[in-house]
Amino acid sequence: MPRFLLTWLLTAVALVITAYLVPGFVITSFVAALVAAVILGLVNAVVKPILVVLTLPLTVVTLGLFLFVINAITIWLAGLLTPGFDVNGFLPALVGSIVLTLVAGGLNFLVGDRF
């Protein structure tokens, strides 16, 4: 259970850092980031697998690059569902998904398996 809470906290911190770095990616408070982390996890668990299966031929043709578009769609959807978390367009969602992946990966690397 503590690892789950740490992952949730790190995802919220990664969202705040991404909002600072990417224009059009807005988080109004840390509480909104915590809620957005939960919503993003739920969207990634429920909606993303459906999108991946439905767009599999396109993903294969583009050698997996279409997965960036799917990530942007899931972040945009989480922005629509979460109060205090706004994504202003597709390009901020696309850039934000790349930056969010890099920031979250870096934070997870820094924390490692210590907890």
C-alpha atoms as a PDB file:
ATOM      1  CA  MET A   1       0.000   0.000   0.000  1.00  0.00           C
ATOM      2  CA  PRO A   2       2.766   2.563   0.720  1.00  0.00           C
ATOM      3  CA  ARG A   3       4.214   1.984  -2.778  1.00  0.00           C
ATOM      4  CA  PHE A   4       0.807   2.808  -4.296  1.00  0.00           C
ATOM      5  CA  LEU A   5       0.613   6.049  -2.304  1.00  0.00           C
ATOM      6  CA  LEU A   6       4.150   6.982  -3.314  1.00  0.00           C
ATOM      7  CA  THR A   7       3.343   6.355  -6.982  1.00  0.00           C
ATOM      8  CA  TRP A   8       0.214   8.486  -6.666  1.00  0.00           C
ATOM      9  CA  LEU A   9       2.189  11.316  -5.052  1.00  0.00           C
ATOM     10  CA  LEU A  10       4.962  11.117  -7.657  1.00  0.00           C
ATOM     11  CA  THR A  11       2.418  11.232 -10.480  1.00  0.00           C
ATOM     12  CA  ALA A  12       0.822  14.335  -8.953  1.00  0.00           C
ATOM     13  CA  VAL A  13       4.252  15.992  -8.633  1.00  0.00           C
ATOM     14  CA  ALA A  14       5.022  15.038 -12.244  1.00  0.00           C
ATOM     15  CA  LEU A  15       1.743  16.654 -13.339  1.00  0.00           C
ATOM     16  CA  VAL A  16       2.634  19.882 -11.499  1.00  0.00           C
ATOM     17  CA  ILE A  17       6.115  19.953 -13.078  1.00  0.00           C
ATOM     18  CA  THR A  18       4.630  19.259 -16.520  1.00  0.00           C
ATOM     19  CA  ALA A  19       2.119  22.077 -16.053  1.00  0.00           C
ATOM     20  CA  TYR A  20       5.019  24.386 -15.227  1.00  0.00           C
ATOM     21  CA  LEU A  21       6.952  23.368 -18.347  1.00  0.00           C
ATOM     22  CA  VAL A  22       4.212  23.039 -20.996  1.00  0.00           C
ATOM     23  CA  PRO A  23       2.085  26.043 -21.944  1.00  0.00           C
ATOM     24  CA  GLY A  24      -1.582  25.120 -22.234  1.00  0.00           C
ATOM     25  CA  PHE A  25      -1.258  22.414 -19.580  1.00  0.00           C
ATOM     26  CA  VAL A  26      -2.828  23.959 -16.464  1.00  0.00           C
ATOM     27  CA  ILE A  27      -3.137  22.661 -12.903  1.00  0.00           C
ATOM     28  CA  THR A  28      -4.641  25.084 -10.403  1.00  0.00           C
ATOM     29  CA  SER A  29      -3.551  23.413  -7.141  1.00  0.00           C
ATOM     30  CA  PHE A  30      -1.783  20.389  -5.743  1.00  0.00           C
ATOM     31  CA  VAL A  31      -5.127  18.912  -4.684  1.00  0.00           C
ATOM     32  CA  ALA A  32      -6.239  19.167  -8.314  1.00  0.00           C
ATOM     33  CA  ALA A  33      -3.021  17.370  -9.286  1.00  0.00           C
ATOM     34  CA  LEU A  34      -3.787  14.568  -6.814  1.00  0.00           C
ATOM     35  CA  VAL A  35      -7.298  14.181  -8.227  1.00  0.00           C
ATOM     36  CA  ALA A  36      -5.947  14.366 -11.782  1.00  0.00           C
ATOM     37  CA  ALA A  37      -3.456  11.589 -10.995  1.00  0.00           C
ATOM     38  CA  VAL A  38      -6.310   9.323  -9.899  1.00  0.00           C
ATOM     39  CA  ILE A  39      -8.465  10.195 -12.913  1.00  0.00           C
ATOM     40  CA  LEU A  40      -5.511   9.742 -15.273  1.00  0.00           C
ATOM     41  CA  GLY A  41      -4.838   6.323 -13.770  1.00  0.00           C
ATOM     42  CA  LEU A  42      -8.467   5.314 -14.228  1.00  0.00           C
ATOM     43  CA  VAL A  43      -8.553   6.580 -17.819  1.00  0.00           C
ATOM     44  CA  ASN A  44      -5.307   4.728 -18.561  1.00  0.00           C
ATOM     45  CA  ALA A  45      -6.743   1.549 -17.041  1.00  0.00           C
ATOM     46  CA  VAL A  46     -10.152   1.649 -18.739  1.00  0.00           C
ATOM     47  CA  VAL A  47     -10.140   3.770 -21.895  1.00  0.00           C
ATOM     48  CA  LYS A  48      -6.561   3.428 -23.140  1.00  0.00           C
ATOM     49  CA  PRO A  49      -6.660  -0.367 -23.726  1.00  0.00           C
ATOM     50  CA  ILE A  50      -9.840   0.046 -25.767  1.00  0.00           C
ATOM     51  CA  LEU A  51      -8.231   2.779 -27.880  1.00  0.00           C
ATOM     52  CA  VAL A  52      -5.094   0.690 -28.376  1.00  0.00           C
ATOM     53  CA  VAL A  53      -7.094  -2.295 -29.633  1.00  0.00           C
ATOM     54  CA  LEU A  54      -9.308  -0.182 -31.906  1.00  0.00           C
ATOM     55  CA  THR A  55      -6.342   1.612 -33.470  1.00  0.00           C
ATOM     56  CA  LEU A  56      -3.975  -1.360 -33.656  1.00  0.00           C
ATOM     57  CA  PRO A  57      -3.695  -1.369 -37.485  1.00  0.00           C
ATOM     58  CA  LEU A  58      -2.845   2.343 -37.486  1.00  0.00           C
ATOM     59  CA  THR A  59      -0.344   1.826 -34.684  1.00  0.00           C
ATOM     60  CA  VAL A  60       1.350  -0.980 -36.618  1.00  0.00           C
ATOM     61  CA  VAL A  61       1.511   1.090 -39.832  1.00  0.00           C
ATOM     62  CA  THR A  62       3.082   4.035 -37.974  1.00  0.00           C
ATOM     63  CA  LEU A  63       5.503   1.702 -36.138  1.00  0.00           C
ATOM     64  CA  GLY A  64       4.006   2.603 -32.764  1.00  0.00           C
ATOM     65  CA  LEU A  65       4.110   6.381 -33.157  1.00  0.00           C
ATOM     66  CA  PHE A  66       0.318   6.562 -32.999  1.00  0.00           C
ATOM     67  CA  LEU A  67       0.594   5.610 -29.321  1.00  0.00           C
ATOM     68  CA  PHE A  68       1.697   9.211 -28.693  1.00  0.00           C
ATOM     69  CA  VAL A  69      -1.672  10.318 -30.066  1.00  0.00           C
ATOM     70  CA  ILE A  70      -3.477   7.824 -27.818  1.00  0.00           C
ATOM     71  CA  ASN A  71      -1.555   9.149 -24.795  1.00  0.00           C
ATOM     72  CA  ALA A  72      -2.528  12.693 -25.747  1.00  0.00           C
ATOM     73  CA  ILE A  73      -6.180  11.663 -26.025  1.00  0.00           C
ATOM     74  CA  THR A  74      -6.128  10.057 -22.574  1.00  0.00           C
ATOM     75  CA  ILE A  75      -4.537  13.144 -21.023  1.00  0.00           C
ATOM     76  CA  TRP A  76      -7.042  15.398 -22.772  1.00  0.00           C
ATOM     77  CA  LEU A  77      -9.887  13.198 -21.504  1.00  0.00           C
ATOM     78  CA  ALA A  78      -8.522  13.318 -17.961  1.00  0.00           C
ATOM     79  CA  GLY A  79      -8.380  17.100 -18.300  1.00  0.00           C
ATOM     80  CA  LEU A  80     -12.045  17.164 -19.268  1.00  0.00           C
ATOM     81  CA  LEU A  81     -13.050  15.005 -16.305  1.00  0.00           C
ATOM     82  CA  THR A  82     -10.943  16.704 -13.622  1.00  0.00           C
ATOM     83  CA  PRO A  83     -11.793  20.090 -12.121  1.00  0.00           C
ATOM     84  CA  GLY A  84      -8.672  22.218 -11.800  1.00  0.00           C
ATOM     85  CA  PHE A  85      -6.812  20.354 -14.555  1.00  0.00           C
ATOM     86  CA  ASP A  86      -7.137  21.815 -18.040  1.00  0.00           C
ATOM     87  CA  VAL A  87      -5.461  20.889 -21.302  1.00  0.00           C
ATOM     88  CA  ASN A  88      -5.980  23.629 -23.876  1.00  0.00           C
ATOM     89  CA  GLY A  89      -5.850  21.745 -27.160  1.00  0.00           C
ATOM     90  CA  PHE A  90      -4.278  18.745 -28.808  1.00  0.00           C
ATOM     91  CA  LEU A  91      -0.724  20.069 -29.117  1.00  0.00           C
ATOM     92  CA  PRO A  92      -0.369  20.809 -25.376  1.00  0.00           C
ATOM     93  CA  ALA A  93      -1.793  17.324 -24.705  1.00  0.00           C
ATOM     94  CA  LEU A  94       0.735  15.745 -27.067  1.00  0.00           C
ATOM     95  CA  VAL A  95       3.728  17.665 -25.726  1.00  0.00           C
ATOM     96  CA  GLY A  96       2.420  17.243 -22.185  1.00  0.00           C
ATOM     97  CA  SER A  97       2.173  13.466 -22.579  1.00  0.00           C
ATOM     98  CA  ILE A  98       5.812  13.276 -23.672  1.00  0.00           C
ATOM     99  CA  VAL A  99       7.026  15.600 -20.912  1.00  0.00           C
ATOM    100  CA  LEU A 100       4.869  13.843 -18.315  1.00  0.00           C
ATOM    101  CA  THR A 101       6.349  10.474 -19.276  1.00  0.00           C
ATOM    102  CA  LEU A 102       9.895  11.819 -19.013  1.00  0.00           C
ATOM    103  CA  VAL A 103       9.297  13.623 -15.706  1.00  0.00           C
ATOM    104  CA  ALA A 104       7.462  10.690 -14.104  1.00  0.00           C
ATOM    105  CA  GLY A 105      10.176   8.309 -15.280  1.00  0.00           C
ATOM    106  CA  GLY A 106      12.861  10.571 -13.852  1.00  0.00           C
ATOM    107  CA  LEU A 107      11.082  10.875 -10.514  1.00  0.00           C
ATOM    108  CA  ASN A 108      10.572   7.111 -10.317  1.00  0.00           C
ATOM    109  CA  PHE A 109      14.260   6.609 -11.111  1.00  0.00           C
ATOM    110  CA  LEU A 110      15.251   9.021  -8.330  1.00  0.00           C
ATOM    111  CA  VAL A 111      13.038   7.303  -5.772  1.00  0.00           C
ATOM    112  CA  GLY A 112      13.903   3.815  -7.028  1.00  0.00           C
ATOM    113  CA  ASP A 113      12.998   0.780  -4.935  1.00  0.00           C
ATOM    114  CA  ARG A 114      13.806   2.358  -1.601  1.00  0.00           C
ATOM    115  CA  PHE A 115      10.203   2.301  -0.402  1.00  0.00           C
END
